[in-house]
Amino acid sequence: MVAIRKSNEEGHRRKFLVVVDDTPECDRAIVYAAKRAARTSGIVTLLFVVAPGDFQHWLGVEDIMRAEATEEAEATLAKAAERVRSVAKTEPETVIREGNKAEAVLELIEADTDIAILVLAAGTSSEGPGPLVSSIAGKSAGNFPIPVTIVPGNLDDDSIAALA
């Protein structure tokens, strides 16, 4: 069963969820979400998903690898949060999860009933829109718990501002 969204209830604010990674198009999703959040008194939630470790090492090595992955996630989220602040003068939330990206997105949406919209950006390469867009907007789109906004990866900041 899908949790009822509470973003329009008193004491709640609509959250725009952006999955942060190192792809060039990710910035397009961040800009769109920041502009929409600013215009609707919402919040941007930035999610970084650390890939599950295939750790076949001693415990100490696993701990070091996990700590390095967490540091990388924190640094990437800090840059993304600064981008939100510079675009829309609003303070984002940041979340780090470990696991499969699509599953982590669904788990966060289920856990936070203020998340009302998932914002993704489509890649511009000939290889397609990107794996996350394909997996979410593809075969599971009809059963996804919230609306998904897919921002074309080739839009510039002014075009995004005009649309948001």
C-alpha atoms as a PDB file:
ATOM      1  CA  MET A   1       0.000   0.000   0.000  1.00  0.00           C
ATOM      2  CA  VAL A   2       1.236   3.467  -0.895  1.00  0.00           C
ATOM      3  CA  ALA A   3       1.555   5.967   1.945  1.00  0.00           C
ATOM      4  CA  ILE A   4      -0.729   8.989   1.657  1.00  0.00           C
ATOM      5  CA  ARG A   5       1.252  12.136   0.855  1.00  0.00           C
ATOM      6  CA  LYS A   6       1.022  14.820   3.543  1.00  0.00           C
ATOM      7  CA  SER A   7       2.769  17.690   1.786  1.00  0.00           C
ATOM      8  CA  ASN A   8      -0.383  19.817   1.639  1.00  0.00           C
ATOM      9  CA  GLU A   9      -1.410  19.323   5.249  1.00  0.00           C
ATOM     10  CA  GLU A  10      -0.793  21.959   7.903  1.00  0.00           C
ATOM     11  CA  GLY A  11       2.749  21.798   9.242  1.00  0.00           C
ATOM     12  CA  HIS A  12       4.057  20.046   6.117  1.00  0.00           C
ATOM     13  CA  ARG A  13       5.794  21.306   2.986  1.00  0.00           C
ATOM     14  CA  ARG A  14       6.020  19.723  -0.452  1.00  0.00           C
ATOM     15  CA  LYS A  15       9.396  18.150  -1.081  1.00  0.00           C
ATOM     16  CA  PHE A  16      11.035  17.766  -4.459  1.00  0.00           C
ATOM     17  CA  LEU A  17      13.346  14.738  -4.421  1.00  0.00           C
ATOM     18  CA  VAL A  18      16.484  14.767  -6.570  1.00  0.00           C
ATOM     19  CA  VAL A  19      18.805  11.771  -6.835  1.00  0.00           C
ATOM     20  CA  VAL A  20      22.308  13.220  -6.872  1.00  0.00           C
ATOM     21  CA  ASP A  21      25.111  11.583  -8.807  1.00  0.00           C
ATOM     22  CA  ASP A  22      28.089  12.621 -10.898  1.00  0.00           C
ATOM     23  CA  THR A  23      26.288  12.743 -14.247  1.00  0.00           C
ATOM     24  CA  PRO A  24      26.256  16.056 -16.132  1.00  0.00           C
ATOM     25  CA  GLU A  25      22.454  16.069 -16.345  1.00  0.00           C
ATOM     26  CA  CYS A  26      22.043  15.848 -12.570  1.00  0.00           C
ATOM     27  CA  ASP A  27      22.598  19.604 -12.347  1.00  0.00           C
ATOM     28  CA  ARG A  28      19.555  20.133 -14.575  1.00  0.00           C
ATOM     29  CA  ALA A  29      17.348  18.240 -12.094  1.00  0.00           C
ATOM     30  CA  ILE A  30      18.828  20.209  -9.187  1.00  0.00           C
ATOM     31  CA  VAL A  31      18.147  23.558 -10.866  1.00  0.00           C
ATOM     32  CA  TYR A  32      14.574  22.623 -11.791  1.00  0.00           C
ATOM     33  CA  ALA A  33      13.771  21.284  -8.316  1.00  0.00           C
ATOM     34  CA  ALA A  34      15.310  24.350  -6.646  1.00  0.00           C
ATOM     35  CA  LYS A  35      13.310  26.748  -8.823  1.00  0.00           C
ATOM     36  CA  ARG A  36      10.048  24.811  -8.258  1.00  0.00           C
ATOM     37  CA  ALA A  37      10.652  24.584  -4.521  1.00  0.00           C
ATOM     38  CA  ALA A  38      11.353  28.306  -4.283  1.00  0.00           C
ATOM     39  CA  ARG A  39       8.226  29.200  -6.268  1.00  0.00           C
ATOM     40  CA  THR A  40       5.941  26.882  -4.276  1.00  0.00           C
ATOM     41  CA  SER A  41       7.467  27.313  -0.790  1.00  0.00           C
ATOM     42  CA  GLY A  42       8.702  23.753  -0.962  1.00  0.00           C
ATOM     43  CA  ILE A  43      11.905  21.983  -0.018  1.00  0.00           C
ATOM     44  CA  VAL A  44      14.512  20.212  -2.130  1.00  0.00           C
ATOM     45  CA  THR A  45      15.602  16.841  -0.770  1.00  0.00           C
ATOM     46  CA  LEU A  46      18.903  15.673  -2.219  1.00  0.00           C
ATOM     47  CA  LEU A  47      19.513  11.920  -2.092  1.00  0.00           C
ATOM     48  CA  PHE A  48      22.867  10.272  -2.697  1.00  0.00           C
ATOM     49  CA  VAL A  49      22.839   6.495  -2.904  1.00  0.00           C
ATOM     50  CA  VAL A  50      26.083   4.707  -2.126  1.00  0.00           C
ATOM     51  CA  ALA A  51      26.270   1.507  -4.148  1.00  0.00           C
ATOM     52  CA  PRO A  52      26.154  -1.624  -2.017  1.00  0.00           C
ATOM     53  CA  GLY A  53      29.638  -2.879  -1.339  1.00  0.00           C
ATOM     54  CA  ASP A  54      30.738  -6.191  -2.713  1.00  0.00           C
ATOM     55  CA  PHE A  55      33.113  -6.502   0.184  1.00  0.00           C
ATOM     56  CA  GLN A  56      35.131  -9.692   0.158  1.00  0.00           C
ATOM     57  CA  HIS A  57      37.764  -8.168   2.393  1.00  0.00           C
ATOM     58  CA  TRP A  58      38.660  -8.161   6.026  1.00  0.00           C
ATOM     59  CA  LEU A  59      36.379  -6.117   8.222  1.00  0.00           C
ATOM     60  CA  GLY A  60      38.865  -3.246   8.558  1.00  0.00           C
ATOM     61  CA  VAL A  61      39.142  -2.834   4.787  1.00  0.00           C
ATOM     62  CA  GLU A  62      35.332  -2.860   4.458  1.00  0.00           C
ATOM     63  CA  ASP A  63      35.067  -0.124   7.084  1.00  0.00           C
ATOM     64  CA  ILE A  64      37.651   2.009   5.280  1.00  0.00           C
ATOM     65  CA  MET A  65      35.901   1.557   1.922  1.00  0.00           C
ATOM     66  CA  ARG A  66      32.519   2.432   3.435  1.00  0.00           C
ATOM     67  CA  ALA A  67      33.995   5.531   5.119  1.00  0.00           C
ATOM     68  CA  GLU A  68      35.532   6.663   1.819  1.00  0.00           C
ATOM     69  CA  ALA A  69      32.214   6.156   0.014  1.00  0.00           C
ATOM     70  CA  THR A  70      30.424   8.164   2.706  1.00  0.00           C
ATOM     71  CA  GLU A  71      32.983  10.985   2.427  1.00  0.00           C
ATOM     72  CA  GLU A  72      32.479  11.072  -1.344  1.00  0.00           C
ATOM     73  CA  ALA A  73      28.687  11.147  -0.845  1.00  0.00           C
ATOM     74  CA  GLU A  74      28.943  14.004   1.656  1.00  0.00           C
ATOM     75  CA  ALA A  75      31.206  16.017  -0.663  1.00  0.00           C
ATOM     76  CA  THR A  76      28.909  15.469  -3.653  1.00  0.00           C
ATOM     77  CA  LEU A  77      25.843  16.426  -1.601  1.00  0.00           C
ATOM     78  CA  ALA A  78      27.604  19.542  -0.269  1.00  0.00           C
ATOM     79  CA  LYS A  79      28.215  20.720  -3.863  1.00  0.00           C
ATOM     80  CA  ALA A  80      24.623  19.941  -4.830  1.00  0.00           C
ATOM     81  CA  ALA A  81      23.296  21.764  -1.751  1.00  0.00           C
ATOM     82  CA  GLU A  82      25.391  24.810  -2.614  1.00  0.00           C
ATOM     83  CA  ARG A  83      23.946  24.727  -6.118  1.00  0.00           C
ATOM     84  CA  VAL A  84      20.396  24.717  -4.682  1.00  0.00           C
ATOM     85  CA  ARG A  85      21.263  27.680  -2.444  1.00  0.00           C
ATOM     86  CA  SER A  86      22.818  29.647  -5.310  1.00  0.00           C
ATOM     87  CA  VAL A  87      19.918  29.017  -7.691  1.00  0.00           C
ATOM     88  CA  ALA A  88      16.990  29.507  -5.356  1.00  0.00           C
ATOM     89  CA  LYS A  89      18.179  30.890  -2.012  1.00  0.00           C
ATOM     90  CA  THR A  90      16.567  27.926  -0.235  1.00  0.00           C
ATOM     91  CA  GLU A  91      18.055  25.385   2.160  1.00  0.00           C
ATOM     92  CA  PRO A  92      17.882  21.765   0.953  1.00  0.00           C
ATOM     93  CA  GLU A  93      17.778  18.559   2.954  1.00  0.00           C
ATOM     94  CA  THR A  94      20.413  15.925   2.279  1.00  0.00           C
ATOM     95  CA  VAL A  95      20.081  12.167   2.665  1.00  0.00           C
ATOM     96  CA  ILE A  96      22.603   9.367   2.184  1.00  0.00           C
ATOM     97  CA  ARG A  97      21.426   5.785   1.696  1.00  0.00           C
ATOM     98  CA  GLU A  98      23.284   2.604   0.811  1.00  0.00           C
ATOM     99  CA  GLY A  99      21.943   0.060  -1.639  1.00  0.00           C
ATOM    100  CA  ASN A 100      20.276  -0.195  -5.016  1.00  0.00           C
ATOM    101  CA  LYS A 101      19.437   3.284  -6.308  1.00  0.00           C
ATOM    102  CA  ALA A 102      15.853   2.602  -7.424  1.00  0.00           C
ATOM    103  CA  GLU A 103      15.062   0.719  -4.198  1.00  0.00           C
ATOM    104  CA  ALA A 104      16.585   3.485  -2.069  1.00  0.00           C
ATOM    105  CA  VAL A 105      14.437   6.076  -3.858  1.00  0.00           C
ATOM    106  CA  LEU A 106      11.278   4.070  -3.196  1.00  0.00           C
ATOM    107  CA  GLU A 107      12.206   3.480   0.449  1.00  0.00           C
ATOM    108  CA  LEU A 108      12.797   7.195   1.040  1.00  0.00           C
ATOM    109  CA  ILE A 109       9.518   8.136  -0.651  1.00  0.00           C
ATOM    110  CA  GLU A 110       7.697   5.607   1.539  1.00  0.00           C
ATOM    111  CA  ALA A 111       9.427   6.893   4.693  1.00  0.00           C
ATOM    112  CA  ASP A 112       8.910  10.626   4.044  1.00  0.00           C
ATOM    113  CA  THR A 113       5.296  11.405   3.199  1.00  0.00           C
ATOM    114  CA  ASP A 114       6.171  15.044   2.411  1.00  0.00           C
ATOM    115  CA  ILE A 115       8.032  13.965  -0.734  1.00  0.00           C
ATOM    116  CA  ALA A 116       5.549  14.769  -3.474  1.00  0.00           C
ATOM    117  CA  ILE A 117       7.575  14.857  -6.699  1.00  0.00           C
ATOM    118  CA  LEU A 118      10.670  13.021  -7.939  1.00  0.00           C
ATOM    119  CA  VAL A 119      12.753  15.188 -10.276  1.00  0.00           C
ATOM    120  CA  LEU A 120      15.093  13.422 -12.671  1.00  0.00           C
ATOM    121  CA  ALA A 121      17.038  14.692 -15.649  1.00  0.00           C
ATOM    122  CA  ALA A 122      17.360  12.763 -18.887  1.00  0.00           C
ATOM    123  CA  GLY A 123      20.804  12.187 -20.299  1.00  0.00           C
ATOM    124  CA  THR A 124      21.651  13.675 -23.658  1.00  0.00           C
ATOM    125  CA  SER A 125      23.817  10.845 -24.978  1.00  0.00           C
ATOM    126  CA  SER A 126      22.782   8.425 -27.692  1.00  0.00           C
ATOM    127  CA  GLU A 127      22.713   5.673 -25.045  1.00  0.00           C
ATOM    128  CA  GLY A 128      19.305   6.797 -23.807  1.00  0.00           C
ATOM    129  CA  PRO A 129      17.925   8.875 -20.934  1.00  0.00           C
ATOM    130  CA  GLY A 130      19.949   7.136 -18.225  1.00  0.00           C
ATOM    131  CA  PRO A 131      19.431   4.024 -16.111  1.00  0.00           C
ATOM    132  CA  LEU A 132      17.400   5.641 -13.328  1.00  0.00           C
ATOM    133  CA  VAL A 133      15.047   7.424 -15.729  1.00  0.00           C
ATOM    134  CA  SER A 134      14.654   4.195 -17.698  1.00  0.00           C
ATOM    135  CA  SER A 135      13.921   2.072 -14.643  1.00  0.00           C
ATOM    136  CA  ILE A 136      11.470   4.499 -13.021  1.00  0.00           C
ATOM    137  CA  ALA A 137       9.788   6.000 -16.074  1.00  0.00           C
ATOM    138  CA  GLY A 138       9.763   2.696 -17.906  1.00  0.00           C
ATOM    139  CA  LYS A 139       7.881  -0.399 -16.870  1.00  0.00           C
ATOM    140  CA  SER A 140       7.111   0.719 -13.282  1.00  0.00           C
ATOM    141  CA  ALA A 141       5.808   4.208 -14.139  1.00  0.00           C
ATOM    142  CA  GLY A 142       2.152   3.229 -13.798  1.00  0.00           C
ATOM    143  CA  ASN A 143       2.715   1.959 -10.269  1.00  0.00           C
ATOM    144  CA  PHE A 144       5.107   4.653  -9.024  1.00  0.00           C
ATOM    145  CA  PRO A 145       3.840   6.272  -5.785  1.00  0.00           C
ATOM    146  CA  ILE A 146       4.388   9.923  -6.789  1.00  0.00           C
ATOM    147  CA  PRO A 147       4.624  11.976 -10.001  1.00  0.00           C
ATOM    148  CA  VAL A 148       7.975  12.008 -11.756  1.00  0.00           C
ATOM    149  CA  THR A 149       9.234  15.100 -13.568  1.00  0.00           C
ATOM    150  CA  ILE A 150      11.893  14.392 -16.185  1.00  0.00           C
ATOM    151  CA  VAL A 151      13.899  17.462 -17.141  1.00  0.00           C
ATOM    152  CA  PRO A 152      15.571  17.358 -20.572  1.00  0.00           C
ATOM    153  CA  GLY A 153      19.318  17.349 -20.002  1.00  0.00           C
ATOM    154  CA  ASN A 154      19.961  19.915 -22.734  1.00  0.00           C
ATOM    155  CA  LEU A 155      18.005  22.802 -21.133  1.00  0.00           C
ATOM    156  CA  ASP A 156      19.999  25.775 -19.873  1.00  0.00           C
ATOM    157  CA  ASP A 157      19.283  27.595 -16.596  1.00  0.00           C
ATOM    158  CA  ASP A 158      17.127  30.276 -18.235  1.00  0.00           C
ATOM    159  CA  SER A 159      14.969  27.682 -20.007  1.00  0.00           C
ATOM    160  CA  ILE A 160      14.529  25.760 -16.758  1.00  0.00           C
ATOM    161  CA  ALA A 161      13.633  28.946 -14.873  1.00  0.00           C
ATOM    162  CA  ALA A 162      10.986  29.747 -17.469  1.00  0.00           C
ATOM    163  CA  LEU A 163       9.439  26.288 -17.075  1.00  0.00           C
ATOM    164  CA  ALA A 164       9.704  25.950 -13.313  1.00  0.00           C
END
